[in-house]
Each structure stands twice: as C-alpha cells, then as structure tokens.
Amino acid sequence: MEKTKSMFRTSAKELKTTSTMAVCAMLAALALILNSVASINIGPYVKIGFSGIPNQIADYLFGPITGCLFAGVLDIVKFFICPDGPFFSVSHLMQCLRHLFMDVSTTNISSPSAAC
C-alpha cells in the first residue's frame, strides 16, 4: 500500500518538471498525427487507429497521474481537432480511469518482491 502511495506522489511531482511537459507535448503531437494519418475507417462507425500508442508510452514513462491527465486532455483535443461523432463523456472518463488503474496493476505485478 505504501509503495502505491509513493508511486502516486512521484508521478504527481514528475508532472511539474519541464522535461516531462516537453516529452508529453511531443507525444501529444505524435498522437495527433497518428490520429489524422494512420487511422483506418471501416464504415461510418468503426475506426482502427494507432493514436493510443503515445498514451501508453506516457503512462509507462511518467506514472498514473501524468498518464491519466495526458490521456484525458489528449482525448478532448483530438475531439476538437477531428470530431468523428458526438463526444461521449462516459467513455472519456473510463479511458482516464483505465490509465490510472492500469499503471497501478502493472507495477504491483512486476515488483521485485512478487518475483521471489
């Protein structure tokens, strides 16, 4: 439990550094490019896209707080730049929570004490 708290604290502290913000901005630009160029539309309702890859990279590099905020802000920005239908706020909230809890679960699995 203490390890999880310290992970959240370090992730929140890392959000304030300039290098983290610069890398997040570059990953956001990459995600926007992938959203507009490398997405495949199959009919009006199905879209296969690769813009979630930079979200995962930011999540694994900077922790759960930064990953959650990055995914949430980027989802709104992508909607304003290229809307593909109505904005579904429940899906947006679930994506943010997925990034928040995915980091916690993968950290607990790969801890050195779990391997012994």
Protein backbone atom coordinates (compact mmCIF):
# COMPACT_ATOMS: atom_id res chain seq x y z
CA MET A 1 0.00 0.00 0.00
CA GLU A 2 2.85 2.37 0.84
CA LYS A 3 4.51 1.58 -2.48
CA THR A 4 1.34 2.61 -4.34
CA LYS A 5 1.13 5.88 -2.42
CA SER A 6 4.73 6.71 -3.18
CA MET A 7 4.17 5.91 -6.86
CA PHE A 8 1.28 8.40 -6.99
CA ARG A 9 3.35 11.03 -5.17
CA THR A 10 6.33 10.69 -7.50
CA SER A 11 4.04 10.76 -10.54
CA ALA A 12 2.42 13.97 -9.33
CA LYS A 13 5.84 15.54 -8.66
CA GLU A 14 7.11 14.49 -12.07
CA LEU A 15 4.20 16.28 -13.75
CA LYS A 16 5.72 19.60 -12.67
CA THR A 17 9.10 19.16 -14.38
CA THR A 18 9.87 20.85 -17.66
CA SER A 19 11.31 17.75 -19.31
CA THR A 20 8.14 15.78 -18.57
CA MET A 21 5.98 18.51 -20.09
CA ALA A 22 8.21 18.65 -23.18
CA VAL A 23 8.07 14.88 -23.73
CA CYS A 24 4.30 14.88 -23.17
CA ALA A 25 3.93 17.67 -25.75
CA MET A 26 5.95 15.67 -28.29
CA LEU A 27 3.94 12.54 -27.58
CA ALA A 28 0.72 14.55 -27.94
CA ALA A 29 1.88 15.85 -31.33
CA LEU A 30 2.68 12.29 -32.39
CA ALA A 31 -0.75 11.12 -31.23
CA LEU A 32 -2.48 13.88 -33.20
CA ILE A 33 -0.53 12.98 -36.33
CA LEU A 34 -1.33 9.29 -35.89
CA ASN A 35 -4.99 10.15 -35.35
CA SER A 36 -5.24 12.02 -38.64
CA VAL A 37 -2.87 10.00 -40.85
CA ALA A 38 -2.63 6.44 -39.54
CA SER A 39 -6.27 5.64 -38.84
CA ILE A 40 -8.38 3.28 -40.92
CA ASN A 41 -12.10 3.95 -41.20
CA ILE A 42 -14.27 0.90 -41.84
CA GLY A 43 -17.71 2.26 -42.49
CA PRO A 44 -19.20 5.17 -40.57
CA TYR A 45 -18.92 3.62 -37.10
CA VAL A 46 -15.72 1.57 -36.96
CA LYS A 47 -12.29 3.19 -36.78
CA ILE A 48 -8.97 1.44 -36.28
CA GLY A 49 -6.39 3.89 -35.02
CA PHE A 50 -2.92 3.93 -33.57
CA SER A 51 -3.14 7.19 -31.65
CA GLY A 52 -3.38 5.33 -28.35
CA ILE A 53 0.26 4.21 -28.55
CA PRO A 54 1.65 7.58 -27.34
CA ASN A 55 -0.90 7.45 -24.49
CA GLN A 56 0.55 4.14 -23.35
CA ILE A 57 4.12 5.43 -23.65
CA ALA A 58 3.33 8.48 -21.50
CA ASP A 59 1.55 6.24 -19.00
CA TYR A 60 4.51 3.89 -18.61
CA LEU A 61 7.15 6.62 -18.60
CA PHE A 62 5.62 9.07 -16.15
CA GLY A 63 3.22 7.14 -13.93
CA PRO A 64 -0.52 7.06 -13.27
CA ILE A 65 -1.28 10.73 -12.54
CA THR A 66 0.54 12.10 -15.57
CA GLY A 67 -0.77 9.28 -17.78
CA CYS A 68 -4.35 9.89 -16.69
CA LEU A 69 -4.17 13.64 -17.28
CA PHE A 70 -2.35 13.15 -20.58
CA ALA A 71 -4.98 10.73 -21.88
CA GLY A 72 -7.86 12.92 -20.71
CA VAL A 73 -6.57 16.17 -22.19
CA LEU A 74 -5.48 14.50 -25.41
CA ASP A 75 -8.88 12.86 -25.88
CA ILE A 76 -10.59 16.25 -25.68
CA VAL A 77 -8.04 17.88 -28.01
CA LYS A 78 -8.44 15.08 -30.58
CA PHE A 79 -12.20 15.55 -30.47
CA PHE A 80 -11.94 19.29 -31.14
CA ILE A 81 -9.45 18.83 -33.99
CA CYS A 82 -11.17 15.94 -35.77
CA PRO A 83 -14.65 15.10 -34.41
CA ASP A 84 -15.84 11.68 -35.58
CA GLY A 85 -19.24 11.90 -33.95
CA PRO A 86 -20.65 13.00 -30.61
CA PHE A 87 -18.38 13.31 -27.58
CA PHE A 88 -19.24 10.51 -25.17
CA SER A 89 -18.13 11.75 -21.74
CA VAL A 90 -18.58 8.36 -20.01
CA SER A 91 -16.12 6.77 -22.43
CA HIS A 92 -13.73 9.65 -21.80
CA LEU A 93 -13.93 9.12 -18.04
CA MET A 94 -13.42 5.37 -18.41
CA GLN A 95 -10.32 5.92 -20.53
CA CYS A 96 -8.82 8.20 -17.87
CA LEU A 97 -9.57 5.67 -15.13
CA ARG A 98 -8.14 2.85 -17.24
CA HIS A 99 -4.83 4.69 -17.49
CA LEU A 100 -4.90 5.41 -13.77
CA PHE A 101 -5.54 1.83 -12.65
CA MET A 102 -3.54 0.06 -15.36
CA ASP A 103 -0.35 1.61 -14.06
CA VAL A 104 -1.11 0.50 -10.51
CA SER A 105 -1.83 -3.08 -11.52
CA THR A 106 1.26 -3.47 -13.73
CA THR A 107 3.52 -2.00 -11.05
CA ASN A 108 2.28 -4.45 -8.42
CA ILE A 109 2.77 -7.43 -10.73
CA SER A 110 6.31 -6.59 -11.75
CA SER A 111 7.59 -5.68 -8.29
CA PRO A 112 10.77 -7.49 -7.16
CA SER A 113 9.06 -8.87 -4.05
CA ALA A 114 6.38 -10.56 -6.21
CA ALA A 115 9.05 -12.39 -8.22
CA CYS A 116 10.53 -14.18 -5.15
